[in-house]
Protein backbone atom coordinates (compact mmCIF):
# COMPACT_ATOMS: atom_id res chain seq x y z
CA MET A 1 90.48 262.47 65.27
CA ALA A 2 89.83 259.91 62.51
CA THR A 3 93.45 258.79 62.63
CA LYS A 4 93.31 258.23 66.41
CA VAL A 5 90.13 256.09 66.17
CA THR A 6 91.59 254.01 63.38
CA GLY A 7 94.70 253.31 65.48
CA GLN A 8 92.63 252.12 68.42
CA VAL A 9 90.64 249.79 66.16
CA LEU A 10 93.86 248.27 64.81
CA LEU A 11 95.19 247.72 68.33
CA LEU A 12 91.96 245.95 69.33
CA VAL A 13 92.05 243.70 66.26
CA ALA A 14 95.69 242.82 66.95
CA ALA A 15 94.87 241.91 70.56
CA LEU A 16 92.04 239.66 69.42
CA LEU A 17 94.32 237.90 66.94
CA LEU A 18 96.96 237.31 69.60
CA ALA A 19 94.36 235.85 72.00
CA GLY A 20 93.05 233.49 69.31
CA CYS A 21 96.51 232.18 68.49
CA SER A 22 97.62 231.44 72.08
CA SER A 23 96.17 227.85 72.18
CA PRO A 24 97.75 226.58 68.92
CA ASP A 25 101.11 227.98 70.02
CA ASN A 26 100.92 225.94 73.26
CA PRO A 27 99.38 222.55 72.37
CA ASP A 28 100.71 220.95 75.56
CA ALA A 29 98.33 222.99 77.62
CA THR A 30 95.27 221.53 75.84
CA GLN A 31 96.58 217.90 75.85
CA ALA A 32 97.81 217.83 79.43
CA ALA A 33 94.34 217.45 80.89
CA PRO A 34 93.32 214.24 79.02
CA GLU A 35 96.75 212.67 79.55
CA ALA A 36 96.40 212.66 83.32
CA PRO A 37 93.33 210.37 83.49
CA LEU A 38 94.79 208.05 80.84
CA GLU A 39 97.96 207.64 82.89
CA SER A 40 95.88 207.04 86.02
CA GLU A 41 93.83 204.34 84.29
CA ASP A 42 97.01 202.56 83.19
CA GLU A 43 98.38 202.58 86.73
CA GLU A 44 95.12 201.17 88.11
CA ALA A 45 95.17 198.42 85.47
CA ASP A 46 98.76 197.52 86.37
CA GLU A 47 97.92 197.38 90.06
CA ALA A 48 94.91 195.16 89.37
CA LYS A 49 96.93 192.46 87.55
CA PRO A 50 98.68 191.03 90.63
CA GLU A 51 95.39 190.91 92.48
CA LEU A 52 93.80 188.85 89.71
CA SER A 53 96.79 186.54 89.73
CA GLU A 54 96.48 186.01 93.47
CA LEU A 55 92.78 185.27 93.13
CA GLY A 56 93.59 182.68 90.53
CA ASP A 57 96.14 180.98 92.85
CA GLU A 58 93.85 180.74 95.86
CA PRO A 59 91.68 177.83 94.62
CA GLU A 60 94.81 175.88 93.70
CA ALA A 61 96.36 176.55 97.11
CA ALA A 62 93.15 175.58 98.85
CA GLU A 63 93.01 172.36 96.87
CA SER A 64 96.59 171.57 97.86
CA GLU A 65 95.92 172.24 101.52
CA SER A 66 92.76 170.12 101.39
CA GLY A 67 94.67 167.25 99.84
CA ALA A 68 97.36 167.45 102.50
CA THR A 69 94.74 167.40 105.23
CA SER A 70 92.96 164.44 103.67
CA GLU A 71 96.21 162.55 103.29
CA ALA A 72 97.19 163.29 106.87
CA SER A 73 93.78 162.08 108.04
CA GLY A 74 94.20 158.90 106.05
CA GLU A 75 97.56 158.25 107.66
CA SER A 76 96.10 158.87 111.12
CA ALA A 77 93.18 156.48 110.45
CA SER A 78 95.41 153.74 109.04
CA GLY A 79 97.92 154.12 111.88
CA ASN A 80 95.35 153.84 114.64
CA GLN A 81 95.55 150.06 115.15
CA THR A 82 93.71 148.53 118.07
CA ALA A 83 95.32 146.16 120.51
CA GLY A 84 95.27 142.58 119.26
CA ALA A 85 95.42 143.60 115.58
CA ALA A 86 99.11 142.57 115.34
CA VAL A 87 98.60 138.89 116.22
CA THR A 88 96.14 136.28 114.98
CA GLU A 89 94.68 133.11 116.46
CA ASP A 90 96.78 130.91 114.19
CA GLU A 91 99.96 132.75 115.14
CA ILE A 92 99.19 132.28 118.84
CA VAL A 93 98.53 128.56 118.38
CA ASP A 94 101.72 128.12 116.37
CA ALA A 95 103.75 130.04 118.95
CA LEU A 96 102.35 127.94 121.81
CA THR A 97 102.98 124.60 120.11
CA ALA A 98 106.47 125.68 119.04
CA SER A 99 107.44 126.87 122.51
CA ASP A 100 109.41 124.90 125.07
CA LEU A 101 106.48 125.09 127.49
CA PRO A 102 105.05 121.69 128.53
CA ILE A 103 101.72 122.29 126.75
CA THR A 104 99.33 119.42 125.96
CA ASN A 105 95.69 119.06 124.89
CA LEU A 106 95.53 122.57 123.41
CA GLU A 107 91.97 123.59 122.57
CA VAL A 108 90.71 126.56 120.55
CA PHE A 109 87.17 127.73 121.37
CA ASP A 110 84.54 129.43 119.25
CA ALA A 111 81.37 131.34 120.15
CA GLU A 112 79.44 128.10 120.68
CA THR A 113 82.03 126.11 122.62
CA ASP A 114 83.27 128.92 124.88
CA PRO A 115 82.35 127.80 128.42
CA ASN A 116 81.87 131.42 129.49
CA SER A 117 79.70 132.33 126.47
CA LEU A 118 81.65 135.58 126.11
CA LEU A 119 83.68 135.00 122.95
CA GLY A 120 82.83 137.56 120.28
CA ARG A 121 80.37 139.42 122.48
CA PRO A 122 80.61 143.24 122.76
CA GLY A 123 83.61 144.28 124.82
CA GLN A 124 84.82 140.68 125.22
CA TYR A 125 87.63 138.57 123.82
CA THR A 126 87.68 137.43 120.21
CA VAL A 127 90.03 134.44 120.72
CA LYS A 128 90.10 131.92 123.58
CA ILE A 129 92.57 129.07 123.89
CA SER A 130 93.22 126.69 126.78
CA TRP A 131 95.72 123.91 127.43
CA GLU A 132 97.12 121.61 130.06
CA ASP A 133 100.54 122.04 131.61
CA GLY A 134 102.45 118.76 131.89
CA ARG A 135 103.74 119.81 135.31
CA LEU A 136 100.17 119.84 136.65
CA ALA A 137 99.12 116.34 135.68
CA ASP A 138 96.97 115.92 138.78
CA SER A 139 94.95 119.10 138.16
CA ILE A 140 91.40 118.81 136.87
CA ASP A 141 91.46 122.41 135.58
CA PRO A 142 93.17 123.63 132.41
CA GLY A 143 96.76 124.52 133.13
CA GLY A 144 96.49 127.77 131.19
CA THR A 145 94.06 130.02 129.32
CA LEU A 146 94.72 132.76 126.80
CA GLU A 147 92.18 135.37 125.70
CA LEU A 148 92.74 137.92 122.96
CA PHE A 149 90.93 141.28 123.06
CA PRO A 150 90.35 143.65 120.13
CA ASP A 151 90.88 146.91 122.05
CA ALA A 152 93.03 148.33 124.80
CA GLU A 153 90.10 149.05 127.15
CA SER A 154 88.47 145.64 127.50
CA MET A 155 91.74 143.78 128.07
CA PRO A 156 92.60 145.37 131.46
CA ARG A 157 88.98 145.07 132.57
CA ARG A 158 89.14 141.32 132.05
CA ALA A 159 92.45 141.05 133.89
CA ASP A 160 91.10 143.09 136.81
CA TYR A 161 88.00 140.90 136.95
CA VAL A 162 90.02 137.67 137.10
CA GLU A 163 92.33 139.05 139.78
CA GLU A 164 89.40 140.33 141.84
CA ILE A 165 87.83 136.85 141.85
CA GLY A 166 91.12 135.42 143.09
CA ARG A 167 91.22 137.95 145.93
CA GLU A 168 87.67 137.12 146.97
CA VAL A 169 88.04 133.34 146.55
CA PRO A 170 91.69 132.38 147.18
CA MET A 171 91.16 128.89 145.80
CA LEU A 172 90.53 130.47 142.37
CA LEU A 173 93.66 132.61 142.46
CA GLN A 174 95.70 132.45 139.23
CA TRP A 175 98.87 133.90 137.77
CA VAL A 176 97.72 136.65 135.37
CA PHE A 177 99.87 138.17 132.61
CA THR A 178 98.80 140.91 130.19
CA ASP A 179 100.35 142.34 127.03
CA GLU A 180 99.10 145.70 125.76
CA ARG A 181 100.89 145.23 122.43
CA THR A 182 98.77 142.27 121.44
CA GLY A 183 95.73 142.64 123.73
CA VAL A 184 96.35 139.25 125.36
CA VAL A 185 95.35 138.16 128.85
CA LEU A 186 97.14 134.94 129.82
CA ARG A 187 96.47 133.12 133.07
CA VAL A 188 97.85 129.90 134.53
CA LEU A 189 97.06 127.99 137.70
CA ARG A 190 98.50 129.14 141.00
CA ASP A 191 99.92 125.62 141.50
CA LEU A 192 102.82 126.61 139.26
CA THR A 193 105.84 128.00 141.06
CA PRO A 194 106.76 131.65 140.46
CA ASP A 195 109.60 130.59 138.16
CA GLN A 196 107.34 128.25 136.20
CA ALA A 197 104.66 130.91 135.82
CA ALA A 198 107.30 133.46 134.75
CA GLU A 199 108.07 131.26 131.75
CA TYR A 200 104.60 132.05 130.40
CA GLY A 201 105.19 135.75 130.98
CA SER A 202 108.42 135.59 129.00
CA TRP A 203 106.71 133.66 126.20
CA LEU A 204 103.95 136.27 126.02
CA GLN A 205 106.48 139.08 125.62
CA SER A 206 108.11 137.16 122.78
CA LEU A 207 104.98 137.29 120.62
CA PRO A 208 105.50 139.41 117.49
């Protein structure tokens, strides 16, 4: 009986020893658990790097886009020239005196001498010049008048007004020429023949 009990005790002790040695014999089993979160953290860190880089590029991209928009706006503002901006009073006077038209007694008006008291007023012409045509020596009225407008809206209004007066009062009818490039309204007396009046129209189109 004593021998049988002793054998069972030895078997139990041996089983306990084997159970206690199972972890050291398989170290991978104990280390596998912490390795998984470490590897996961590394992957998350790697994935986060491109996102940080993109965030860093966004302000630079926004600044570039803003600069392009500002530059485009500047070009639009500088390119938006009003009618009449391409020609000056002096250039008109020089072109008239240098032309082959029979112009005499050319007069340039200012805000005080303008007989209509419109020069420089809102929505009105900024330059007014008149002259006599040598072919109309017997006329008491100026042979021609030129008015320069600063915008493309007031110029046709002036031309329409002058033509409407001529329709209502035939004695005041004039030849009227307009040029949208320069904002000029040019009118000459109806006493000129169509061919003579057309010479003024051709001259107006020759302005730079």
